[in-house]
Amino acid sequence: MKKIAIISLCCTALFTACSDDSSTSVKLSIDTSDIFVQKYDDLPVCSDTREGSFAFVKDEKQAYTCHNKVWTLEALTSSSSSKIKDDSSSSEASTKETSSSTANEPSSSETKTQSSSAESSSSAESSSSAESSASEESSSSVINRDIKVGAYQFNFSSLDFLNLSIYNNEKQPIDSLTLRLYVTAKPEDIEATPGEGNVPGTCPLLVDEDICQMIDSTGISSVCHLPDGKSADDHLRTYLRHSYPIKISSSYNASTGEYLYFIPIPLGSIELPPSSRLRIDIGFTSGIYQNGGCETLRTPAKKNLVTDGTSTDWSWAAHKQDIDGADYDGIPLWEKDQGDTAKAPINPYIAIYRKDELISGILPKY
C-alpha cells in the first residue's frame, strides 16, 4: 500500500511525531486506497492475499478494509471526503482495472454454496469444523444493505412451513444471499446422525423448497430462474437439502442441554433485481441418513417450529427494542396463502448474509 501521504505529512510537521489518529486518517484517504470500484457489488473477494487492503466505493462514497475475509466499513475523514470529486476522474482507469480483475474472482454464490454443499455432504463427521467457524459468528460486523425479509408461518399436510419474502429495496441487483434462521435445540432433536452398518441414521430436521416466485417492481410474478434463464427449483432444492443446522458450540446451556443453531437458507445464484421481491416457501421435514447424506421422508421434523406466538427461538420469538434492538411481535401464524393478500411483517431477527458478510438482521446473544 502506498504510504506517500503519511511520509509527506510527517516531513511537513518537521519531525513532529505523527499521532495514531492522524496516521489512520491519512491511511483512509482516497488517494491511499488500494482498490477503486463503482459500487459495492464490484468489490473483489476479500481473500487472505488482500488482508489489510483498503477499497473505495464511489457510489457510496465509503471506504472499506479487508479484514478476516470481510470488507468492513471504515469512516472517511472530512479531508478525504473533500477529495472525492477531484480524485474520481483519476480513479476511472483503476476502477475499470479492478472491475476486470473482479470478474475473474468467484463473485457469485456458486463458489460459496458449492463449498457449503461439500461441507454438508460429510454431515455429522465434519460438523466439528462447522461448529468452530460458527462459534464466533455472533461478533460479525454488519455492512448494512437495504435488504429485508418478511415472514409468516403456516401448517400444511401436517408439516411446518415458512413463507419468506426477501425485498431488494436498493437500486442495483443483488445475488449470493443466504438467510440464517436461529433456533435452540438439543442435538438429538436437530443434528443428523449416521447409522451403523446397514442401519440408516436419522435426520431430525431438513429444509426443502416448495414454492419460489420473483415479483418485479411492477408487481408481475414469475417462477424463480437462474441467470441462464433456467428454473431455479432444482438449484434451490439441491442446496437446501444439504443445508443442515449448524451448531454454535460456545452457546451450550448446561441447565437445558441445548445449543443455539442456525439453519442456512442459501438462495444460490438467484439474482434479485432492483425494487423486487423474492417469495419462497420452505418446509421442515425429517428423514434418514444414508450414503453419506440425508434424504427426506416428508415426515414432520422432530423439532416443532410452527407455534402460535409461543416460540422462544430467536428468529421466531417476540422481541423488545430496549432488550434486543427492535420491536417485533414474532412470526405470525397465518393461512397458507394469506401472504397473497396481506404483507407479512418484516422480521429483523432473520439474518441476511451475502458472501459470508452480514448485511442485515440482528444476531442472537449468548
Protein backbone atom coordinates (compact mmCIF):
# COMPACT_ATOMS: atom_id res chain seq x y z
CA MET A 1 0.00 0.00 0.00
CA LYS A 2 1.28 3.49 -0.82
CA LYS A 3 2.49 5.47 2.19
CA ILE A 4 3.19 8.77 0.32
CA ALA A 5 0.53 10.69 2.23
CA ILE A 6 1.93 9.63 5.59
CA ILE A 7 5.55 10.44 4.64
CA SER A 8 4.53 13.86 3.34
CA LEU A 9 2.60 14.67 6.49
CA CYS A 10 5.48 13.72 8.74
CA CYS A 11 8.00 15.77 6.73
CA THR A 12 5.79 18.85 6.78
CA ALA A 13 5.48 18.61 10.55
CA LEU A 14 9.34 18.88 10.74
CA PHE A 15 9.96 15.95 12.98
CA THR A 16 6.75 16.40 14.96
CA ALA A 17 5.60 12.89 15.94
CA CYS A 18 2.66 11.62 13.91
CA SER A 19 -0.11 10.53 16.26
CA ASP A 20 -2.03 7.29 15.75
CA ASP A 21 -5.23 9.20 14.90
CA SER A 22 -3.67 11.33 12.15
CA SER A 23 -1.91 8.29 10.69
CA THR A 24 -5.22 6.44 10.48
CA SER A 25 -6.95 9.42 8.91
CA VAL A 26 -4.36 9.73 6.18
CA LYS A 27 -4.31 5.99 5.56
CA LEU A 28 -8.06 6.03 4.91
CA SER A 29 -7.93 8.97 2.48
CA ILE A 30 -8.98 8.45 -1.10
CA ASP A 31 -5.52 8.69 -2.62
CA THR A 32 -4.18 5.87 -0.45
CA SER A 33 -6.87 3.31 -1.28
CA ASP A 34 -5.65 0.14 -2.96
CA ILE A 35 -8.88 -0.57 -4.82
CA PHE A 36 -11.40 1.72 -6.52
CA VAL A 37 -14.78 0.38 -7.60
CA GLN A 38 -18.01 2.00 -8.74
CA LYS A 39 -20.36 0.09 -6.42
CA TYR A 40 -20.12 -2.31 -3.50
CA ASP A 41 -21.01 -5.34 -5.62
CA ASP A 42 -17.88 -4.68 -7.74
CA LEU A 43 -15.56 -5.33 -4.79
CA PRO A 44 -13.31 -8.34 -5.32
CA VAL A 45 -13.37 -11.20 -2.83
CA CYS A 46 -11.76 -10.24 0.48
CA SER A 47 -9.25 -13.09 0.43
CA ASP A 48 -6.18 -13.77 2.58
CA THR A 49 -3.98 -12.11 -0.04
CA ARG A 50 -6.00 -8.88 0.28
CA GLU A 51 -5.86 -8.76 4.09
CA GLY A 52 -5.36 -5.13 5.18
CA SER A 53 -6.23 -3.66 1.78
CA PHE A 54 -8.38 -0.55 1.52
CA ALA A 55 -11.13 -0.11 -1.07
CA PHE A 56 -13.16 2.95 -2.00
CA VAL A 57 -16.73 2.56 -3.34
CA LYS A 58 -17.55 5.64 -5.43
CA ASP A 59 -21.34 5.29 -5.47
CA GLU A 60 -21.45 5.11 -1.67
CA LYS A 61 -18.51 7.49 -1.09
CA GLN A 62 -17.35 4.97 1.50
CA ALA A 63 -14.10 3.17 2.29
CA TYR A 64 -13.79 -0.47 3.29
CA THR A 65 -10.99 -2.51 4.84
CA CYS A 66 -10.38 -6.20 4.09
CA HIS A 67 -10.14 -7.85 7.49
CA ASN A 68 -10.59 -11.56 8.27
CA LYS A 69 -12.12 -12.13 4.81
CA VAL A 70 -14.78 -9.44 5.36
CA TRP A 71 -14.98 -5.98 3.78
CA THR A 72 -15.52 -3.76 6.84
CA LEU A 73 -16.90 -0.25 6.53
CA GLU A 74 -14.49 2.50 7.57
CA ALA A 75 -15.28 6.14 8.34
CA LEU A 76 -13.82 8.60 5.85
CA THR A 77 -12.19 11.77 7.21
CA SER A 78 -13.52 15.17 6.20
CA SER A 79 -10.31 15.89 4.32
CA SER A 80 -10.56 12.67 2.35
CA SER A 81 -14.26 13.28 1.62
CA SER A 82 -13.39 16.66 0.09
CA LYS A 83 -11.04 14.93 -2.32
CA ILE A 84 -13.68 12.62 -3.79
CA LYS A 85 -14.64 14.86 -6.69
CA ASP A 86 -11.05 15.65 -7.65
CA ASP A 87 -9.92 12.05 -7.41
CA SER A 88 -12.87 10.37 -9.09
CA SER A 89 -11.75 11.08 -12.65
CA SER A 90 -8.20 9.92 -11.99
CA SER A 91 -9.53 6.71 -10.47
CA GLU A 92 -11.60 5.68 -13.52
CA ALA A 93 -8.81 3.62 -15.03
CA SER A 94 -8.18 1.97 -11.68
CA THR A 95 -11.90 1.24 -11.33
CA LYS A 96 -12.03 -0.46 -14.73
CA GLU A 97 -8.93 -2.47 -13.94
CA THR A 98 -10.36 -3.58 -10.58
CA SER A 99 -13.72 -4.48 -12.13
CA SER A 100 -11.91 -6.58 -14.71
CA SER A 101 -10.00 -8.47 -12.04
CA THR A 102 -13.19 -8.86 -10.02
CA ALA A 103 -14.80 -10.68 -12.93
CA ASN A 104 -12.17 -13.37 -12.52
CA GLU A 105 -12.93 -13.79 -8.81
CA PRO A 106 -15.59 -16.24 -7.56
CA SER A 107 -18.16 -13.46 -7.08
CA SER A 108 -21.39 -15.47 -7.40
CA SER A 109 -22.88 -17.68 -4.72
CA GLU A 110 -21.95 -20.80 -6.67
CA THR A 111 -18.46 -20.80 -5.14
CA LYS A 112 -19.86 -20.31 -1.66
CA THR A 113 -22.71 -22.75 -1.95
CA GLN A 114 -20.58 -25.40 -3.63
CA SER A 115 -18.29 -25.12 -0.64
CA SER A 116 -21.26 -25.35 1.73
CA SER A 117 -22.56 -28.37 -0.16
CA ALA A 118 -19.21 -30.11 0.05
CA GLU A 119 -19.04 -29.48 3.79
CA SER A 120 -22.61 -30.60 4.32
CA SER A 121 -22.21 -33.84 2.37
CA SER A 122 -19.92 -35.09 5.12
CA SER A 123 -22.59 -34.02 7.65
CA ALA A 124 -22.00 -35.31 11.15
CA GLU A 125 -18.40 -36.42 10.51
CA SER A 126 -17.29 -32.86 9.68
CA SER A 127 -19.63 -30.97 11.99
CA SER A 128 -16.83 -30.04 14.39
CA SER A 129 -15.20 -27.74 11.81
CA ALA A 130 -18.56 -26.10 11.12
CA GLU A 131 -19.06 -25.56 14.84
CA SER A 132 -15.66 -23.90 15.16
CA SER A 133 -16.40 -21.46 12.36
CA ALA A 134 -19.85 -20.73 13.78
CA SER A 135 -18.75 -20.20 17.38
CA GLU A 136 -17.62 -16.63 16.74
CA GLU A 137 -20.28 -15.66 14.21
CA SER A 138 -22.24 -13.54 16.67
CA SER A 139 -19.47 -10.94 16.58
CA SER A 140 -19.76 -10.39 12.82
CA SER A 141 -19.77 -6.74 11.76
CA VAL A 142 -22.78 -5.57 9.77
CA ILE A 143 -22.48 -3.94 6.36
CA ASN A 144 -25.97 -2.52 6.24
CA ARG A 145 -27.81 -3.02 2.97
CA ASP A 146 -31.45 -2.21 2.28
CA ILE A 147 -32.41 -5.87 2.00
CA LYS A 148 -35.23 -7.01 4.29
CA VAL A 149 -37.16 -10.21 4.90
CA GLY A 150 -40.79 -10.65 5.89
CA ALA A 151 -42.04 -13.98 7.23
CA TYR A 152 -45.12 -15.86 8.30
CA GLN A 153 -45.58 -19.49 9.31
CA PHE A 154 -48.25 -21.97 8.33
CA ASN A 155 -49.04 -25.65 8.61
CA PHE A 156 -49.86 -27.74 5.56
CA SER A 157 -50.31 -31.51 5.30
CA SER A 158 -49.07 -31.88 8.90
CA LEU A 159 -45.75 -30.19 8.01
CA ASP A 160 -44.31 -26.89 9.28
CA PHE A 161 -43.69 -24.20 6.66
CA LEU A 162 -42.32 -20.67 6.46
CA ASN A 163 -43.26 -18.16 3.79
CA LEU A 164 -40.30 -15.82 3.28
CA SER A 165 -40.36 -12.61 1.25
CA ILE A 166 -36.93 -11.09 0.55
CA TYR A 167 -37.15 -7.43 -0.51
CA ASN A 168 -34.40 -5.77 -2.53
CA ASN A 169 -35.07 -2.09 -1.83
CA GLU A 170 -31.86 -0.97 -3.49
CA LYS A 171 -31.29 0.44 -6.96
CA GLN A 172 -28.98 -2.34 -8.05
CA PRO A 173 -29.44 -6.11 -8.32
CA ILE A 174 -28.08 -8.42 -5.66
CA ASP A 175 -27.26 -12.13 -5.57
CA SER A 176 -25.39 -14.67 -3.41
CA LEU A 177 -27.77 -14.30 -0.47
CA THR A 178 -28.16 -16.73 2.43
CA LEU A 179 -30.69 -16.37 5.23
CA ARG A 180 -29.94 -17.70 8.70
CA LEU A 181 -32.77 -18.87 10.95
CA TYR A 182 -31.75 -19.18 14.61
CA VAL A 183 -33.24 -21.89 16.82
CA THR A 184 -32.42 -23.51 20.17
CA ALA A 185 -32.47 -27.29 20.40
CA LYS A 186 -30.97 -30.41 21.88
CA PRO A 187 -28.57 -32.18 19.48
CA GLU A 188 -30.78 -35.26 19.19
CA ASP A 189 -33.69 -33.11 18.01
CA ILE A 190 -31.87 -31.37 15.19
CA GLU A 191 -28.50 -32.91 14.23
CA ALA A 192 -28.05 -35.56 11.55
CA THR A 193 -26.65 -38.83 12.91
CA PRO A 194 -25.03 -41.50 10.67
CA GLY A 195 -26.21 -45.07 11.10
CA GLU A 196 -24.16 -48.15 11.86
CA GLY A 197 -23.61 -50.98 9.42
CA ASN A 198 -26.64 -51.39 7.18
CA VAL A 199 -28.91 -49.48 9.55
CA PRO A 200 -29.70 -45.93 8.30
CA GLY A 201 -29.11 -42.97 10.56
CA THR A 202 -31.52 -40.18 11.39
CA CYS A 203 -32.04 -36.63 10.11
CA PRO A 204 -34.37 -34.89 12.59
CA LEU A 205 -34.63 -31.61 10.67
CA LEU A 206 -34.30 -30.98 6.94
CA VAL A 207 -35.27 -27.99 4.79
CA ASP A 208 -36.95 -28.18 1.40
CA GLU A 209 -38.26 -25.65 -1.09
CA ASP A 210 -41.94 -25.76 -2.01
CA ILE A 211 -42.55 -22.56 -4.00
CA CYS A 212 -40.24 -19.88 -5.36
CA GLN A 213 -41.52 -16.79 -7.16
CA MET A 214 -39.96 -13.49 -8.23
CA ILE A 215 -42.15 -10.37 -8.13
CA ASP A 216 -40.69 -7.45 -10.08
CA SER A 217 -41.08 -3.71 -9.41
CA THR A 218 -44.33 -3.61 -11.39
CA GLY A 219 -45.88 -6.49 -9.43
CA ILE A 220 -45.50 -9.08 -12.19
CA SER A 221 -44.81 -12.56 -10.77
CA SER A 222 -42.76 -15.31 -12.41
CA VAL A 223 -41.06 -18.51 -11.28
CA CYS A 224 -37.57 -18.06 -9.90
CA HIS A 225 -34.88 -18.55 -12.51
CA LEU A 226 -31.12 -18.62 -12.74
CA PRO A 227 -29.00 -16.13 -14.71
CA ASP A 228 -29.07 -18.51 -17.70
CA GLY A 229 -32.88 -18.45 -17.70
CA LYS A 230 -33.40 -21.97 -16.33
CA SER A 231 -35.81 -22.70 -13.48
CA ALA A 232 -34.18 -22.34 -10.08
CA ASP A 233 -36.18 -25.11 -8.36
CA ASP A 234 -33.62 -27.92 -8.69
CA HIS A 235 -30.84 -25.46 -7.88
CA LEU A 236 -32.53 -24.41 -4.65
CA ARG A 237 -33.56 -27.87 -3.57
CA THR A 238 -30.04 -29.23 -4.03
CA TYR A 239 -28.54 -26.60 -1.77
CA LEU A 240 -31.34 -26.66 0.79
CA ARG A 241 -31.20 -30.44 1.19
CA HIS A 242 -27.53 -30.08 2.09
CA SER A 243 -28.05 -27.10 4.41
CA TYR A 244 -28.05 -28.89 7.74
CA PRO A 245 -28.40 -26.93 11.01
CA ILE A 246 -25.06 -25.64 12.25
CA LYS A 247 -24.32 -25.68 15.97
CA ILE A 248 -22.72 -22.72 17.74
CA SER A 249 -20.67 -24.72 20.20
CA SER A 250 -20.00 -21.87 22.64
CA SER A 251 -23.75 -21.43 23.20
CA TYR A 252 -24.28 -24.58 25.30
CA ASN A 253 -26.81 -24.25 28.11
CA ALA A 254 -25.95 -26.85 30.75
CA SER A 255 -29.30 -26.47 32.51
CA THR A 256 -31.31 -27.45 29.42
CA GLY A 257 -28.78 -29.45 27.40
CA GLU A 258 -29.49 -27.18 24.41
CA TYR A 259 -27.36 -25.27 21.92
CA LEU A 260 -28.07 -22.38 19.61
CA TYR A 261 -28.16 -23.42 15.94
CA PHE A 262 -28.64 -21.57 12.71
CA ILE A 263 -30.38 -23.09 9.73
CA PRO A 264 -28.87 -21.71 6.50
CA ILE A 265 -31.26 -20.94 3.63
CA PRO A 266 -28.99 -20.33 0.60
CA LEU A 267 -30.56 -18.74 -2.47
CA GLY A 268 -27.61 -19.70 -4.64
CA SER A 269 -27.02 -17.65 -7.76
CA ILE A 270 -30.59 -16.31 -7.92
CA GLU A 271 -30.39 -12.58 -8.56
CA LEU A 272 -32.92 -10.12 -7.13
CA PRO A 273 -33.45 -7.16 -9.49
CA PRO A 274 -33.79 -3.64 -8.04
CA SER A 275 -37.05 -2.96 -6.18
CA SER A 276 -38.10 -6.60 -6.42
CA ARG A 277 -39.34 -9.27 -4.02
CA LEU A 278 -38.50 -12.95 -3.91
CA ARG A 279 -41.11 -15.23 -2.29
CA ILE A 280 -40.03 -18.68 -1.19
CA ASP A 281 -41.98 -21.27 0.83
CA ILE A 282 -39.77 -23.67 2.76
CA GLY A 283 -40.87 -26.79 4.63
CA PHE A 284 -39.27 -28.51 7.61
CA THR A 285 -39.19 -32.30 7.46
CA SER A 286 -37.27 -35.27 8.80
CA GLY A 287 -35.62 -38.19 7.05
CA ILE A 288 -32.92 -40.83 7.10
CA TYR A 289 -29.15 -40.64 6.86
CA GLN A 290 -27.60 -43.00 4.33
CA ASN A 291 -24.99 -42.97 1.58
CA GLY A 292 -23.21 -40.07 3.27
CA GLY A 293 -26.18 -37.70 3.43
CA CYS A 294 -29.81 -37.08 4.35
CA GLU A 295 -32.92 -37.96 2.38
CA THR A 296 -36.27 -36.50 3.35
CA LEU A 297 -39.20 -38.77 4.09
CA ARG A 298 -41.61 -35.81 4.04
CA THR A 299 -42.48 -36.56 7.64
CA PRO A 300 -42.69 -33.84 10.33
CA ALA A 301 -39.43 -32.55 11.76
CA LYS A 302 -38.65 -33.67 15.28
CA LYS A 303 -38.47 -30.06 16.46
CA ASN A 304 -41.77 -28.22 16.18
CA LEU A 305 -41.10 -24.82 14.60
CA VAL A 306 -44.63 -23.59 13.85
CA THR A 307 -46.25 -22.22 17.01
CA ASP A 308 -48.95 -19.66 17.73
CA GLY A 309 -46.88 -16.93 19.34
CA THR A 310 -45.28 -19.17 21.97
CA SER A 311 -41.90 -19.89 20.36
CA THR A 312 -38.73 -18.89 22.19
CA ASP A 313 -36.48 -19.48 19.17
CA TRP A 314 -34.60 -16.30 18.28
CA SER A 315 -35.86 -15.93 14.70
CA TRP A 316 -39.44 -16.87 15.65
CA ALA A 317 -39.94 -15.19 19.04
CA ALA A 318 -41.29 -11.79 20.03
CA HIS A 319 -38.66 -9.16 20.92
CA LYS A 320 -38.48 -5.71 22.50
CA GLN A 321 -36.33 -2.87 21.21
CA ASP A 322 -34.88 -1.93 24.60
CA ILE A 323 -33.75 -5.53 25.12
CA ASP A 324 -32.80 -6.93 21.72
CA GLY A 325 -32.68 -3.92 19.38
CA ALA A 326 -36.06 -3.83 17.62
CA ASP A 327 -39.71 -4.37 18.44
CA TYR A 328 -41.15 -7.50 16.85
CA ASP A 329 -44.28 -9.47 17.70
CA GLY A 330 -42.93 -12.81 16.50
CA ILE A 331 -43.60 -14.69 13.27
CA PRO A 332 -47.38 -14.72 12.76
CA LEU A 333 -49.26 -17.96 12.17
CA TRP A 334 -51.36 -17.45 9.02
CA GLU A 335 -53.23 -19.50 6.48
CA LYS A 336 -51.11 -20.94 3.69
CA ASP A 337 -51.91 -18.30 1.03
CA GLN A 338 -52.66 -15.36 3.30
CA GLY A 339 -49.49 -13.70 2.11
CA ASP A 340 -51.08 -13.26 -1.33
CA THR A 341 -53.42 -10.62 0.10
CA ALA A 342 -51.52 -9.36 3.16
CA LYS A 343 -47.92 -8.28 3.70
CA ALA A 344 -46.08 -10.26 6.34
CA PRO A 345 -44.26 -8.09 8.90
CA ILE A 346 -40.55 -7.55 8.41
CA ASN A 347 -38.54 -9.85 10.66
CA PRO A 348 -35.28 -8.19 11.79
CA TYR A 349 -34.26 -11.39 13.62
CA ILE A 350 -33.66 -13.38 10.46
CA ALA A 351 -30.09 -12.59 9.46
CA ILE A 352 -29.20 -12.00 5.81
CA TYR A 353 -25.69 -12.74 4.60
CA ARG A 354 -24.04 -12.08 1.26
CA LYS A 355 -20.75 -13.85 0.53
CA ASP A 356 -20.33 -14.58 4.26
CA GLU A 357 -20.88 -10.91 5.17
CA LEU A 358 -23.78 -9.93 7.42
CA ILE A 359 -25.74 -7.28 5.52
CA SER A 360 -28.98 -7.14 7.52
CA GLY A 361 -30.53 -8.55 10.67
CA ILE A 362 -29.96 -8.76 14.43
CA LEU A 363 -27.92 -11.70 15.69
CA PRO A 364 -28.73 -13.59 18.92
CA LYS A 365 -26.91 -13.00 22.17
CA TYR A 366 -25.46 -15.96 24.04
